[in-house]
Amino acid sequence: MKNKGEILVIDDTVASLRLISRMLEEAGDSVSLAESGEQALSMVAGKPPELILLDVLMPGMSGFEVCERLKADPKTGGIPVVFLTASDDPRDSIAGLRLGAVDYISKPYSREGLLAKVGTHIELFRLREKLKQQALELSAERDRFSTLFQNSNDAVFLHGMEPGGVPGKFIEVNDIACARLGYSREELLALAPADIDAPDMDERRRAVVETLMSSGRAVFEMYHSTKDGRSVLSEVSSRVFDYGGKAHILSIARDITERKAAEKERERLLTAVEQGGEAIVITDTDAVIQYVNPSFERITGYSHLETVGKKPNLLKSGVQDEAFYRDLWGRISSGKTWAGRMVNKRKDGTHYTEESTISPVRDPQGNIINYVAVKRDITEQLKLETRLRQSQRMETVGLLAGGVAHDFNNILSAIMCNAGFLARDLAPDDPKQKDVKEILAASERAASLTRQLLAFSRRQIMATRVTDINGLMIGMVRMLGRVIGELVMLAVKLSPAPCTANVDPGQIEQVIMNLALNARDALAGGGVITLETELVNPAEEFFAAHPDLPKGPLVSIKVGDTGCGMSEEVKTHLFEPFFTTKEQGKG
C-alpha cells in the first residue's frame, strides 16, 4: 500500500498501541510507537513525524504536558497533535485545544473515523508545510529582487498602466533613480513617467507606449528632467508584464549623457582624421595595418581594402636600407616616437617623399597596443624648395652677370667709340682699317654677349611681340643646317595648329641656337637633331606650379637629339647658367 503519512502514536497501554498501529499500517501509514511521554519526546527530537496521536492520561508525564513541551519547541511546535481520550469531560477537550492540539478523538473510536481524521490532519499539515516553504521561497525571491533592484547601477522604475494605455504613477523606484533625478523616494512615487520626461518628449513617449503595448518590450532613448531642471539623456529598456491581472511596466534607465558626449567627440575626431590632409595609418604591435584614412588612399593609390591586414612594407621603395627600418622599429617598439623623412612607392610604382611621425599607443596599464603614423606627402614641397634654391642661385648669378655686363658695356663703349674715331681718321685704303674693323666686329660680338647677360639678369628690356613660332623655326633651318655640320641631320616637326606666342623672337632664336649647338656637340659621330612645336593645354596642377603664366593654351618647343642623354645628376644642374659637362676650353 502507498504510504500516506509518518505518524507517532503515544499511549501507555500496549493493546491500544497495537490496535491503532494495525489500523494505520493497513491504511498505508508509517507508524512509530511510544509508551511514555519521555520516550515520545526523544523520538520526535530525532525524526519529527507528520502527525502525533497522543493519549491524555498516562503515568508520569501526561499527554497535556507532552503537548505543552512539543509546542514550546520551535522545531516541533508545528507538528499537529490529536489527543486520544476515554474521558467525556469537555473541559479536557478545551484544555487540549488551548495547548495547541488540533483535534480530539474519544475512545472507543471507529476505524473509519480514526483514519478519516488522521488523513485530514496529515493533508492539512502537508499543505501548511508547502505554504510555509512557498512563503520562504517567495521571501527569498523578494529579497533577491530587492537586492537586484536597489543595487543596480542603473535607475529602475516600476509602474502600472491606466485605462487608455496611459502610464500610471510609479509603484517602486530604486535609490539610483532617486539620486539621479534629485527626488526623494516619496516624491518620486507620487509622479508618473510623463512627469520626469523632458517637455519635448511627448511624441516619443507615445510612440514608445505603442511599441510596448504591441510587442511587450522596447529599447529607446529618452531625455529626463531632474528636479532642479537639468536634462539627463537615458537609454531605457522597458518590458511589460502581468501582475494581479493588470499590465505593469519595468524600466531600466542608463544615463548615457557622458557616453553620448564621448561619441560626439569621437565622431569629431574621426571626421578630422577622415578629412585631414595628412595620411594616417594605425597598425597593431606586429605592424599589421588596421586602419588607413582617405588621404592615405589618395597619396598612395591603395584602397582601404587593399591595405588593411597587410604591412606597411608594401610601400617600400628600396631607397632606404634595412638598417633604416631597424632603427625606426627599434625606437617605436621601445616606446619612443620616431620622426623623419622617407621615400615610399605608390601603387603605380612612382616614388614620393613623406614626412612621418610614428608614435606608440598605450592601454591604461601602459602596454603598447598600437602604433599610429601621421604622414605628409612633401614631394611637391621639395620640388618647390628645389626651384626656390635654383631661383635664388640664378638670381645671384643674374645680379653678378648684370653687374659685369654693365661695367663691360662701359668698357665696350669706349673701345667702340675710339675704334670708330680711328677708322674715321684713317684713309680708306690704309692697311690698319682692317685691324680697326676686327676691333669693331669683336666689340659687336662682345656687345651681343653683354645684351644676353643683361637679359639673363632681367636688366635688358625684352622686345616681345606676337610671333609665329612655326615661321620662326622655319626661318632658322638654313642657318642651323650650316652650323651643325654635315654629319648631323636636322628634322623639323611643326604643329599643324597655329603656334603664336608673345615672345622676344631674338631671345627664342638664341635659345634654339644654343640648344642645337649643345646637341651637335653631343653627336660627335653624327646623328639626328629634332626641332618640334606643339600646342598644349596643361592641367591645373601645371599652372598652380607656375603662377606667373596666364591660363590657356601654350606653345611647346622641343629640341631633341639621338645622343647619350643626361644622367639624373646632370639634370639637377640643367638650368645653372655656367654648368657644363664639356672639356675645358670647349664651352
Protein backbone atom coordinates (compact mmCIF):
# COMPACT_ATOMS: atom_id res chain seq x y z
CA MET A 1 0.00 0.00 0.00
CA LYS A 2 1.02 3.53 -0.61
CA ASN A 3 2.44 5.23 2.49
CA LYS A 4 0.16 8.11 3.47
CA GLY A 5 1.96 9.67 6.40
CA GLU A 6 4.53 9.49 9.15
CA ILE A 7 2.62 9.06 12.44
CA LEU A 8 3.77 8.77 16.05
CA VAL A 9 1.32 7.06 18.45
CA ILE A 10 1.87 7.67 22.20
CA ASP A 11 -0.07 5.52 24.69
CA ASP A 12 0.85 3.72 27.90
CA THR A 13 -1.47 0.82 27.01
CA VAL A 14 0.26 -1.73 24.75
CA ALA A 15 -3.04 -3.11 23.47
CA SER A 16 -4.17 0.32 22.34
CA LEU A 17 -0.83 0.88 20.64
CA ARG A 18 -1.07 -2.38 18.74
CA LEU A 19 -4.69 -1.74 17.67
CA ILE A 20 -4.04 1.76 16.39
CA SER A 21 -0.80 0.71 14.74
CA ARG A 22 -2.55 -2.09 12.88
CA MET A 23 -5.35 0.14 11.58
CA LEU A 24 -2.92 2.83 10.41
CA GLU A 25 -0.45 0.47 8.78
CA GLU A 26 -3.24 -1.28 6.94
CA ALA A 27 -4.17 2.16 5.57
CA GLY A 28 -0.61 2.64 4.33
CA ASP A 29 0.73 4.92 7.01
CA SER A 30 4.17 4.57 8.58
CA VAL A 31 3.71 4.24 12.34
CA SER A 32 6.11 4.75 15.25
CA LEU A 33 5.07 3.76 18.82
CA ALA A 34 5.96 5.31 22.18
CA GLU A 35 4.73 4.03 25.59
CA SER A 36 5.59 7.23 27.53
CA GLY A 37 5.91 10.94 27.14
CA GLU A 38 9.64 10.86 27.75
CA GLN A 39 10.16 8.25 25.03
CA ALA A 40 7.97 10.22 22.65
CA LEU A 41 9.92 13.47 23.12
CA SER A 42 13.18 11.66 22.44
CA MET A 43 11.81 10.09 19.26
CA VAL A 44 10.39 13.41 17.97
CA ALA A 45 13.76 15.12 18.50
CA GLY A 46 15.42 12.53 16.27
CA LYS A 47 12.81 12.34 13.48
CA PRO A 48 9.74 14.62 13.61
CA PRO A 49 6.54 12.89 12.36
CA GLU A 50 3.74 14.44 10.33
CA LEU A 51 1.11 13.69 13.00
CA ILE A 52 1.09 12.75 16.67
CA LEU A 53 -1.73 10.69 18.26
CA LEU A 54 -1.36 11.38 22.00
CA ASP A 55 -3.17 9.69 24.91
CA VAL A 56 -4.19 12.22 27.57
CA LEU A 57 -3.95 10.05 30.66
CA MET A 58 -0.56 8.45 31.08
CA PRO A 59 1.51 7.70 34.19
CA GLY A 60 4.42 10.01 34.74
CA MET A 61 4.25 12.71 32.05
CA SER A 62 0.66 13.33 30.99
CA GLY A 63 -0.44 13.96 27.44
CA PHE A 64 -1.09 17.63 28.23
CA GLU A 65 2.45 18.05 29.47
CA VAL A 66 3.88 16.33 26.39
CA CYS A 67 1.82 18.58 24.11
CA GLU A 68 2.88 21.67 26.01
CA ARG A 69 6.56 20.77 25.64
CA LEU A 70 6.16 19.95 21.96
CA LYS A 71 4.50 23.29 21.22
CA ALA A 72 7.13 25.18 23.20
CA ASP A 73 9.91 23.89 20.92
CA PRO A 74 10.10 25.78 17.57
CA LYS A 75 11.36 22.59 15.89
CA THR A 76 8.31 20.56 16.89
CA GLY A 77 5.71 23.26 17.50
CA GLY A 78 4.23 22.86 14.01
CA ILE A 79 3.54 19.11 14.30
CA PRO A 80 -0.23 18.55 14.60
CA VAL A 81 -1.27 16.77 17.82
CA VAL A 82 -4.54 14.83 18.13
CA PHE A 83 -5.50 13.76 21.65
CA LEU A 84 -6.88 10.26 22.37
CA THR A 85 -9.01 10.07 25.48
CA ALA A 86 -11.62 7.92 27.15
CA SER A 87 -12.91 10.93 29.11
CA ASP A 88 -16.13 12.62 28.09
CA ASP A 89 -15.39 15.77 30.12
CA PRO A 90 -15.48 18.74 27.69
CA ARG A 91 -13.04 20.57 29.88
CA ASP A 92 -10.35 18.11 28.84
CA SER A 93 -11.05 18.88 25.17
CA ILE A 94 -10.88 22.62 25.77
CA ALA A 95 -7.64 22.31 27.74
CA GLY A 96 -6.02 20.28 24.97
CA LEU A 97 -7.06 22.65 22.26
CA ARG A 98 -5.74 25.55 24.27
CA LEU A 99 -2.38 23.81 24.49
CA GLY A 100 -2.24 23.66 20.68
CA ALA A 101 -3.86 20.33 19.81
CA VAL A 102 -5.71 20.28 16.50
CA ASP A 103 -8.36 17.67 17.38
CA TYR A 104 -9.77 15.22 19.93
CA ILE A 105 -10.69 11.56 19.30
CA SER A 106 -12.77 9.91 22.00
CA LYS A 107 -12.40 6.25 22.86
CA PRO A 108 -13.76 3.97 21.74
CA TYR A 109 -13.31 5.12 18.11
CA SER A 110 -14.24 3.53 14.85
CA ARG A 111 -11.64 2.58 12.29
CA GLU A 112 -13.22 4.81 9.63
CA GLY A 113 -13.49 7.80 11.90
CA LEU A 114 -9.87 7.47 13.03
CA LEU A 115 -8.50 7.09 9.52
CA ALA A 116 -10.60 9.99 8.22
CA LYS A 117 -9.32 12.39 10.88
CA VAL A 118 -5.73 11.15 10.55
CA GLY A 119 -5.82 11.60 6.75
CA THR A 120 -7.34 15.06 7.02
CA HIS A 121 -4.79 16.33 9.54
CA ILE A 122 -1.85 14.88 7.63
CA GLU A 123 -3.08 16.58 4.44
CA LEU A 124 -3.56 19.85 6.31
CA PHE A 125 -0.05 19.53 7.79
CA ARG A 126 1.44 18.96 4.36
CA LEU A 127 -0.44 21.94 2.94
CA ARG A 128 0.81 24.13 5.77
CA GLU A 129 4.39 22.91 5.20
CA LYS A 130 4.05 23.56 1.49
CA LEU A 131 2.69 27.05 2.11
CA LYS A 132 5.47 27.68 4.58
CA GLN A 133 8.09 26.59 2.01
CA GLN A 134 6.48 28.71 -0.66
CA ALA A 135 6.46 31.66 1.70
CA LEU A 136 10.16 31.13 2.37
CA GLU A 137 10.89 30.88 -1.33
CA LEU A 138 8.77 33.93 -2.04
CA SER A 139 10.55 35.84 0.69
CA ALA A 140 13.93 34.78 -0.70
CA GLU A 141 12.83 35.76 -4.20
CA ARG A 142 11.59 39.09 -2.88
CA ASP A 143 14.91 39.62 -1.15
CA ARG A 144 16.82 38.78 -4.34
CA PHE A 145 14.63 41.11 -6.38
CA SER A 146 15.02 43.87 -3.80
CA THR A 147 18.78 43.37 -3.77
CA LEU A 148 19.00 43.49 -7.55
CA PHE A 149 16.52 46.34 -7.70
CA GLN A 150 18.34 48.51 -5.18
CA ASN A 151 21.90 47.57 -6.14
CA SER A 152 21.51 48.11 -9.86
CA ASN A 153 23.92 50.65 -11.31
CA ASP A 154 21.03 51.92 -13.42
CA ALA A 155 17.80 53.66 -12.43
CA VAL A 156 14.89 51.19 -12.14
CA PHE A 157 11.23 52.19 -12.34
CA LEU A 158 8.08 50.10 -11.89
CA HIS A 159 4.67 51.46 -12.79
CA GLY A 160 1.25 50.30 -13.89
CA MET A 161 -0.89 51.28 -16.85
CA GLU A 162 -4.03 53.38 -16.52
CA PRO A 163 -7.08 52.85 -18.74
CA GLY A 164 -6.44 54.07 -22.27
CA GLY A 165 -2.79 53.00 -22.24
CA VAL A 166 -1.57 55.91 -20.11
CA PRO A 167 1.44 55.11 -17.88
CA GLY A 168 0.42 55.36 -14.24
CA LYS A 169 2.31 56.54 -11.17
CA PHE A 170 5.45 54.78 -10.09
CA ILE A 171 4.88 51.82 -7.80
CA GLU A 172 8.53 51.29 -6.98
CA VAL A 173 11.84 53.04 -7.76
CA ASN A 174 15.39 52.32 -6.65
CA ASP A 175 17.86 54.61 -4.91
CA ILE A 176 19.78 55.33 -8.13
CA ALA A 177 16.59 56.69 -9.73
CA CYS A 178 16.05 59.00 -6.78
CA ALA A 179 19.66 60.19 -6.70
CA ARG A 180 19.85 60.76 -10.47
CA LEU A 181 16.65 62.77 -10.66
CA GLY A 182 17.10 64.55 -7.34
CA TYR A 183 13.81 63.38 -5.76
CA SER A 184 13.17 61.56 -2.52
CA ARG A 185 11.54 58.14 -2.84
CA GLU A 186 8.22 59.52 -1.57
CA GLU A 187 8.34 62.38 -4.07
CA LEU A 188 9.13 60.10 -6.98
CA LEU A 189 6.38 57.62 -6.09
CA ALA A 190 3.90 60.48 -6.41
CA LEU A 191 4.94 61.03 -10.05
CA ALA A 192 4.34 59.23 -13.35
CA PRO A 193 6.74 58.79 -16.32
CA ALA A 194 5.25 61.85 -18.03
CA ASP A 195 6.32 63.95 -15.02
CA ILE A 196 10.02 63.09 -15.37
CA ASP A 197 10.23 63.09 -19.19
CA ALA A 198 11.57 66.26 -20.77
CA PRO A 199 8.85 68.59 -22.14
CA ASP A 200 9.62 67.82 -25.81
CA MET A 201 9.44 64.05 -25.32
CA ASP A 202 5.64 63.68 -25.63
CA GLU A 203 5.64 62.27 -29.16
CA ARG A 204 8.45 59.87 -28.36
CA ARG A 205 6.70 58.67 -25.20
CA ARG A 206 3.51 57.96 -27.15
CA ALA A 207 5.48 56.01 -29.76
CA VAL A 208 7.22 54.00 -27.01
CA VAL A 209 3.89 53.14 -25.33
CA GLU A 210 2.52 51.92 -28.67
CA THR A 211 5.57 49.71 -29.15
CA LEU A 212 5.28 48.33 -25.62
CA MET A 213 1.61 47.53 -25.97
CA SER A 214 2.14 45.81 -29.34
CA SER A 215 5.38 43.90 -28.75
CA GLY A 216 5.73 43.84 -24.96
CA ARG A 217 9.17 45.40 -24.90
CA ALA A 218 11.06 48.45 -26.15
CA VAL A 219 14.57 49.93 -26.05
CA PHE A 220 14.76 53.67 -26.64
CA GLU A 221 16.49 56.90 -25.70
CA MET A 222 14.67 59.46 -23.60
CA TYR A 223 15.59 62.81 -22.08
CA HIS A 224 14.57 63.00 -18.41
CA SER A 225 14.25 66.20 -16.39
CA THR A 226 15.73 66.32 -12.90
CA LYS A 227 14.07 68.10 -10.00
CA ASP A 228 16.42 71.09 -10.47
CA GLY A 229 15.68 71.30 -14.22
CA ARG A 230 18.74 69.59 -15.65
CA SER A 231 18.35 67.29 -18.67
CA VAL A 232 19.65 63.70 -18.50
CA LEU A 233 19.81 61.53 -21.60
CA SER A 234 18.95 57.92 -20.75
CA GLU A 235 18.92 54.67 -22.67
CA VAL A 236 15.80 52.90 -21.43
CA SER A 237 14.93 49.21 -21.68
CA SER A 238 11.26 48.55 -20.82
CA ARG A 239 9.22 45.39 -20.59
CA VAL A 240 5.51 44.74 -20.00
CA PHE A 241 4.44 42.01 -17.57
CA ASP A 242 1.17 40.98 -15.95
CA TYR A 243 0.79 41.46 -12.23
CA GLY A 244 -2.53 40.89 -10.49
CA GLY A 245 -4.30 40.73 -13.83
CA LYS A 246 -3.06 44.20 -14.84
CA ALA A 247 -0.30 45.33 -17.20
CA HIS A 248 2.77 46.73 -15.47
CA ILE A 249 6.00 48.09 -16.94
CA LEU A 250 9.50 47.61 -15.59
CA SER A 251 12.01 50.09 -16.99
CA ILE A 252 15.78 50.19 -16.55
CA ALA A 253 17.30 53.57 -17.46
CA ARG A 254 21.03 54.06 -18.01
CA ASP A 255 22.49 57.57 -18.01
CA ILE A 256 24.28 57.91 -21.37
CA THR A 257 24.90 61.66 -21.26
CA GLU A 258 28.65 61.23 -20.90
CA ARG A 259 28.71 58.36 -23.38
CA LYS A 260 26.91 60.45 -25.98
CA ALA A 261 29.30 63.32 -25.39
CA ALA A 262 32.22 60.92 -25.83
CA GLU A 263 30.63 59.54 -29.00
CA LYS A 264 30.25 63.04 -30.42
CA GLU A 265 33.86 63.79 -29.51
CA ARG A 266 34.90 60.53 -31.16
CA GLU A 267 32.85 61.41 -34.25
CA ARG A 268 34.52 64.82 -34.45
CA LEU A 269 37.92 63.18 -34.11
CA LEU A 270 37.06 60.57 -36.73
CA THR A 271 35.79 63.28 -39.07
CA ALA A 272 39.03 65.22 -38.59
CA VAL A 273 41.05 62.06 -39.24
CA GLU A 274 38.94 61.12 -42.27
CA GLN A 275 39.05 64.59 -43.79
CA GLY A 276 42.56 65.61 -42.77
CA GLY A 277 45.18 66.28 -45.42
CA GLU A 278 47.76 64.04 -43.75
CA ALA A 279 47.74 60.29 -44.23
CA ILE A 280 47.06 58.38 -41.01
CA VAL A 281 47.93 54.72 -40.54
CA ILE A 282 47.22 52.59 -37.46
CA THR A 283 48.89 49.20 -37.02
CA ASP A 284 48.96 46.58 -34.30
CA THR A 285 52.17 45.67 -32.50
CA ASP A 286 53.05 43.22 -35.29
CA ALA A 287 52.91 46.07 -37.84
CA VAL A 288 49.70 44.75 -39.40
CA ILE A 289 47.66 47.69 -40.72
CA GLN A 290 44.29 48.10 -39.02
CA TYR A 291 43.21 51.47 -40.39
CA VAL A 292 44.10 53.99 -43.10
CA ASN A 293 42.29 57.25 -43.82
CA PRO A 294 41.20 58.60 -47.24
CA SER A 295 44.31 60.81 -47.52
CA PHE A 296 46.44 57.67 -47.37
CA GLU A 297 44.38 56.22 -50.22
CA ARG A 298 44.78 59.43 -52.24
CA ILE A 299 48.53 59.68 -51.70
CA THR A 300 49.47 56.03 -52.21
CA GLY A 301 46.79 54.87 -54.64
CA TYR A 302 45.99 51.87 -52.42
CA SER A 303 42.40 51.49 -51.22
CA HIS A 304 41.37 50.69 -47.65
CA LEU A 305 40.53 47.09 -48.63
CA GLU A 306 43.89 46.65 -50.36
CA THR A 307 45.78 47.88 -47.30
CA VAL A 308 44.10 46.67 -44.10
CA GLY A 309 45.55 43.35 -42.97
CA LYS A 310 48.84 43.96 -44.75
CA LYS A 311 52.07 45.52 -43.53
CA PRO A 312 53.49 48.96 -44.41
CA ASN A 313 56.34 47.33 -46.32
CA LEU A 314 54.08 47.21 -49.37
CA LEU A 315 55.15 50.87 -49.76
CA LYS A 316 58.89 50.15 -49.64
CA SER A 317 60.76 51.93 -52.41
CA GLY A 318 64.20 50.42 -51.88
CA VAL A 319 65.69 53.87 -51.27
CA GLN A 320 66.12 53.25 -47.53
CA ASP A 321 68.23 50.28 -46.43
CA GLU A 322 67.29 47.68 -43.80
CA ALA A 323 69.30 49.50 -41.12
CA PHE A 324 66.94 52.48 -41.54
CA TYR A 325 63.89 50.35 -40.80
CA ARG A 326 65.60 48.50 -37.92
CA ASP A 327 66.35 51.82 -36.27
CA LEU A 328 62.76 53.01 -36.83
CA TRP A 329 61.11 49.90 -35.35
CA GLY A 330 63.64 49.68 -32.56
CA ARG A 331 62.74 53.19 -31.48
CA ILE A 332 58.95 52.90 -31.55
CA SER A 333 58.89 49.40 -30.02
CA SER A 334 60.83 50.80 -27.06
CA GLY A 335 58.03 53.34 -26.51
CA LYS A 336 59.62 56.34 -28.21
CA THR A 337 58.32 58.47 -31.07
CA TRP A 338 60.10 58.39 -34.43
CA ALA A 339 60.04 61.36 -36.78
CA GLY A 340 61.75 61.70 -40.12
CA ARG A 341 61.55 61.51 -43.89
CA MET A 342 61.41 58.50 -46.15
CA VAL A 343 60.85 57.77 -49.80
CA ASN A 344 57.97 55.37 -50.46
CA LYS A 345 56.46 53.84 -53.59
CA ARG A 346 52.88 54.37 -54.76
CA LYS A 347 50.67 51.66 -56.21
CA ASP A 348 51.55 52.90 -59.72
CA GLY A 349 55.26 52.49 -58.98
CA THR A 350 56.15 56.18 -58.70
CA HIS A 351 58.13 57.39 -55.71
CA TYR A 352 57.13 60.09 -53.29
CA THR A 353 58.77 61.62 -50.23
CA GLU A 354 56.89 61.86 -46.95
CA GLU A 355 57.47 63.33 -43.53
CA SER A 356 56.29 60.83 -40.90
CA THR A 357 55.74 60.86 -37.18
CA ILE A 358 55.15 57.38 -35.72
CA SER A 359 54.11 57.02 -32.10
CA PRO A 360 53.19 54.08 -29.84
CA VAL A 361 49.65 53.88 -28.42
CA ARG A 362 49.33 52.52 -24.86
CA ASP A 363 46.44 50.96 -22.94
CA PRO A 364 45.54 52.13 -19.38
CA GLN A 365 48.13 49.69 -17.98
CA GLY A 366 50.88 51.28 -20.09
CA ASN A 367 51.26 48.40 -22.55
CA ILE A 368 51.85 49.26 -26.21
CA ILE A 369 48.83 48.06 -28.18
CA ASN A 370 49.10 50.00 -31.45
CA TYR A 371 51.25 52.33 -33.49
CA VAL A 372 49.86 55.42 -35.21
CA ALA A 373 51.65 57.16 -38.06
CA VAL A 374 50.85 60.65 -39.35
CA LYS A 375 52.35 61.11 -42.81
CA ARG A 376 52.57 64.15 -45.07
CA ASP A 377 53.48 63.96 -48.75
CA ILE A 378 56.19 66.59 -49.27
CA THR A 379 57.16 65.63 -52.82
CA GLU A 380 55.79 68.85 -54.35
CA GLN A 381 57.15 70.87 -51.45
CA LEU A 382 60.64 69.52 -52.10
CA LYS A 383 60.27 70.36 -55.78
CA LEU A 384 59.23 73.88 -54.87
CA GLU A 385 62.15 74.17 -52.48
CA THR A 386 64.50 72.97 -55.21
CA ARG A 387 63.07 75.50 -57.65
CA LEU A 388 63.37 78.19 -54.98
CA ARG A 389 67.03 77.35 -54.38
CA GLN A 390 67.60 77.28 -58.14
CA SER A 391 65.85 80.61 -58.47
CA GLN A 392 67.95 82.06 -55.67
CA ARG A 393 71.13 80.78 -57.30
CA MET A 394 70.02 82.16 -60.65
CA GLU A 395 69.17 85.47 -59.01
CA THR A 396 72.64 85.64 -57.52
CA VAL A 397 74.26 84.73 -60.81
CA GLY A 398 71.99 87.22 -62.58
CA LEU A 399 73.00 90.01 -60.25
CA LEU A 400 76.63 89.16 -60.85
CA ALA A 401 76.12 88.89 -64.61
CA GLY A 402 74.19 92.16 -64.71
CA GLY A 403 76.90 93.96 -62.82
CA VAL A 404 79.63 92.54 -65.04
CA ALA A 405 77.65 93.32 -68.21
CA HIS A 406 77.01 96.88 -67.05
CA ASP A 407 80.70 97.53 -66.39
CA PHE A 408 81.71 95.67 -69.53
CA ASN A 409 79.33 97.79 -71.61
CA ASN A 410 81.10 100.93 -70.36
CA ILE A 411 84.41 99.48 -71.46
CA LEU A 412 82.96 98.39 -74.82
CA SER A 413 81.52 101.83 -75.38
CA ALA A 414 84.98 103.38 -75.03
CA ILE A 415 86.54 100.74 -77.29
CA MET A 416 83.88 101.07 -80.00
CA CYS A 417 83.90 104.88 -79.90
CA ASN A 418 87.66 105.12 -80.11
CA ALA A 419 87.75 102.43 -82.83
CA GLY A 420 85.19 104.49 -84.75
CA PHE A 421 87.26 107.62 -84.34
CA LEU A 422 90.32 105.69 -85.52
CA ALA A 423 88.51 104.30 -88.60
CA ARG A 424 87.32 107.83 -89.48
CA ASP A 425 90.82 109.30 -89.20
CA LEU A 426 92.46 106.55 -91.28
CA ALA A 427 92.45 106.65 -95.04
CA PRO A 428 90.09 104.18 -96.63
CA ASP A 429 92.99 102.29 -98.13
CA ASP A 430 95.05 102.34 -95.01
CA PRO A 431 96.07 98.76 -94.09
CA LYS A 432 95.14 99.49 -90.50
CA GLN A 433 91.49 99.81 -91.50
CA LYS A 434 91.34 96.00 -91.46
CA ASP A 435 92.58 95.91 -87.88
CA VAL A 436 90.05 98.55 -86.85
CA LYS A 437 87.22 96.56 -88.47
CA GLU A 438 88.31 93.47 -86.47
CA ILE A 439 88.23 95.56 -83.32
CA LEU A 440 84.73 96.81 -84.13
CA ALA A 441 83.49 93.28 -85.05
CA ALA A 442 84.88 91.84 -81.83
CA SER A 443 83.28 94.70 -79.95
CA GLU A 444 79.91 93.94 -81.56
CA ARG A 445 80.22 90.28 -80.54
CA ALA A 446 81.08 91.38 -77.02
CA ALA A 447 78.11 93.77 -77.03
CA SER A 448 75.84 90.92 -78.10
CA LEU A 449 77.15 88.84 -75.21
CA THR A 450 76.52 91.65 -72.75
CA ARG A 451 72.97 92.01 -74.07
CA GLN A 452 72.43 88.32 -73.32
CA LEU A 453 73.85 88.78 -69.84
CA LEU A 454 71.60 91.77 -69.26
CA ALA A 455 68.59 89.79 -70.50
CA PHE A 456 69.56 86.97 -68.15
CA SER A 457 69.76 89.40 -65.26
CA ARG A 458 66.39 90.95 -66.30
CA ARG A 459 68.03 94.33 -66.79
CA GLN A 460 67.55 94.31 -70.55
CA ILE A 461 64.04 95.17 -71.70
CA MET A 462 62.85 92.32 -73.90
CA ALA A 463 61.24 93.34 -77.20
CA THR A 464 58.23 90.99 -77.07
CA ARG A 465 55.63 90.69 -79.81
CA VAL A 466 53.16 88.13 -81.05
CA THR A 467 55.32 85.74 -83.01
CA ASP A 468 54.58 82.75 -85.23
CA ILE A 469 56.83 80.14 -83.67
CA ASN A 470 56.42 77.78 -86.63
CA GLY A 471 57.56 80.56 -89.01
CA LEU A 472 60.46 81.44 -86.71
CA MET A 473 61.54 77.79 -86.67
CA ILE A 474 61.37 77.52 -90.49
CA GLY A 475 63.45 80.70 -90.82
CA MET A 476 66.23 79.16 -88.71
CA VAL A 477 66.52 75.86 -90.58
CA ARG A 478 69.07 77.03 -93.20
CA MET A 479 71.29 78.76 -90.65
CA LEU A 480 71.14 75.79 -88.29
CA GLY A 481 71.98 73.42 -91.13
CA ARG A 482 75.24 75.28 -91.73
CA VAL A 483 76.06 75.43 -88.03
CA ILE A 484 75.51 71.77 -87.05
CA GLY A 485 77.65 70.33 -89.88
CA GLU A 486 77.26 67.61 -92.43
CA LEU A 487 77.37 64.62 -90.05
CA VAL A 488 74.22 65.72 -88.22
CA MET A 489 70.75 65.64 -89.77
CA LEU A 490 68.12 68.20 -88.84
CA ALA A 491 64.48 67.06 -88.59
CA VAL A 492 61.62 69.53 -88.12
CA LYS A 493 58.15 68.55 -86.83
CA LEU A 494 55.80 71.52 -86.72
CA SER A 495 52.35 71.56 -85.18
CA PRO A 496 49.53 71.75 -87.76
CA ALA A 497 47.77 74.22 -85.46
CA PRO A 498 48.90 77.86 -85.42
CA CYS A 499 51.56 78.35 -82.73
CA THR A 500 51.67 82.03 -81.84
CA ALA A 501 53.09 83.45 -78.62
CA ASN A 502 54.04 86.83 -77.18
CA VAL A 503 57.84 86.47 -77.00
CA ASP A 504 61.10 88.20 -77.91
CA PRO A 505 61.94 86.50 -81.22
CA GLY A 506 65.65 87.19 -80.84
CA GLN A 507 65.73 85.51 -77.44
CA ILE A 508 63.82 82.47 -78.74
CA GLU A 509 66.22 82.18 -81.69
CA GLN A 510 69.16 82.38 -79.29
CA VAL A 511 67.69 79.63 -77.06
CA ILE A 512 67.07 77.32 -80.04
CA MET A 513 70.55 78.03 -81.39
CA ASN A 514 72.20 77.24 -78.05
CA LEU A 515 70.25 74.01 -77.64
CA ALA A 516 71.06 72.96 -81.22
CA LEU A 517 74.76 73.65 -80.74
CA ASN A 518 74.83 71.67 -77.48
CA ALA A 519 73.03 68.82 -79.25
CA ARG A 520 75.59 68.94 -82.07
CA ASP A 521 78.43 68.68 -79.57
CA ALA A 522 76.77 65.58 -78.07
CA LEU A 523 76.65 63.94 -81.53
CA ALA A 524 80.37 63.71 -82.30
CA GLY A 525 79.84 60.64 -84.52
CA GLY A 526 76.74 62.03 -86.21
CA GLY A 527 73.04 61.69 -85.51
CA VAL A 528 69.72 63.50 -85.71
CA ILE A 529 68.58 66.74 -84.08
CA THR A 530 64.79 67.19 -83.96
CA LEU A 531 63.02 70.54 -83.67
CA GLU A 532 59.35 70.23 -82.72
CA THR A 533 56.47 72.55 -81.92
CA GLU A 534 53.18 71.61 -80.27
CA LEU A 535 50.09 73.44 -78.98
CA VAL A 536 49.31 72.07 -75.48
CA ASN A 537 46.64 72.59 -72.81
CA PRO A 538 48.32 71.85 -69.44
CA ALA A 539 46.37 70.62 -66.40
CA GLU A 540 45.51 72.89 -63.47
CA GLU A 541 48.43 71.47 -61.48
CA PHE A 542 50.89 72.92 -64.03
CA PHE A 543 49.50 76.45 -63.68
CA ALA A 544 49.42 76.08 -59.89
CA ALA A 545 53.17 75.37 -60.01
CA HIS A 546 53.74 78.28 -62.47
CA PRO A 547 51.52 81.12 -61.20
CA ASP A 548 53.21 83.72 -63.48
CA LEU A 549 51.79 82.07 -66.60
CA PRO A 550 48.31 83.01 -67.83
CA LYS A 551 45.96 80.05 -68.08
CA GLY A 552 45.19 78.78 -71.55
CA PRO A 553 46.89 77.01 -74.49
CA LEU A 554 50.69 77.16 -74.53
CA VAL A 555 53.26 76.61 -77.28
CA SER A 556 55.75 73.84 -76.55
CA ILE A 557 59.18 73.93 -78.25
CA LYS A 558 61.20 70.72 -78.10
CA VAL A 559 64.80 70.25 -79.15
CA GLY A 560 65.89 66.61 -79.08
CA ASP A 561 68.81 64.56 -80.26
CA THR A 562 69.86 60.94 -80.57
CA GLY A 563 72.84 61.33 -78.26
CA CYS A 564 73.58 59.51 -75.00
CA GLY A 565 71.26 61.70 -72.92
CA MET A 566 71.81 63.16 -69.43
CA SER A 567 72.25 61.43 -66.10
CA GLU A 568 69.99 62.28 -63.14
CA GLU A 569 72.85 64.18 -61.56
CA VAL A 570 73.37 66.33 -64.67
CA LYS A 571 69.62 67.04 -64.85
CA THR A 572 69.74 68.68 -61.41
CA HIS A 573 72.13 71.29 -62.88
CA LEU A 574 70.17 71.73 -66.12
CA PHE A 575 69.30 75.40 -65.61
CA GLU A 576 72.53 76.55 -64.00
CA PRO A 577 73.98 79.11 -66.45
CA PHE A 578 77.66 78.23 -66.20
CA PHE A 579 77.44 74.48 -65.61
CA THR A 580 78.89 72.29 -68.37
CA THR A 581 79.96 68.71 -68.99
CA LYS A 582 82.27 69.67 -71.81
CA GLU A 583 86.03 69.59 -71.56
CA GLN A 584 87.79 72.76 -70.53
CA GLY A 585 88.10 75.20 -73.39
CA LYS A 586 85.18 73.76 -75.37
CA GLY A 587 82.37 75.91 -73.93
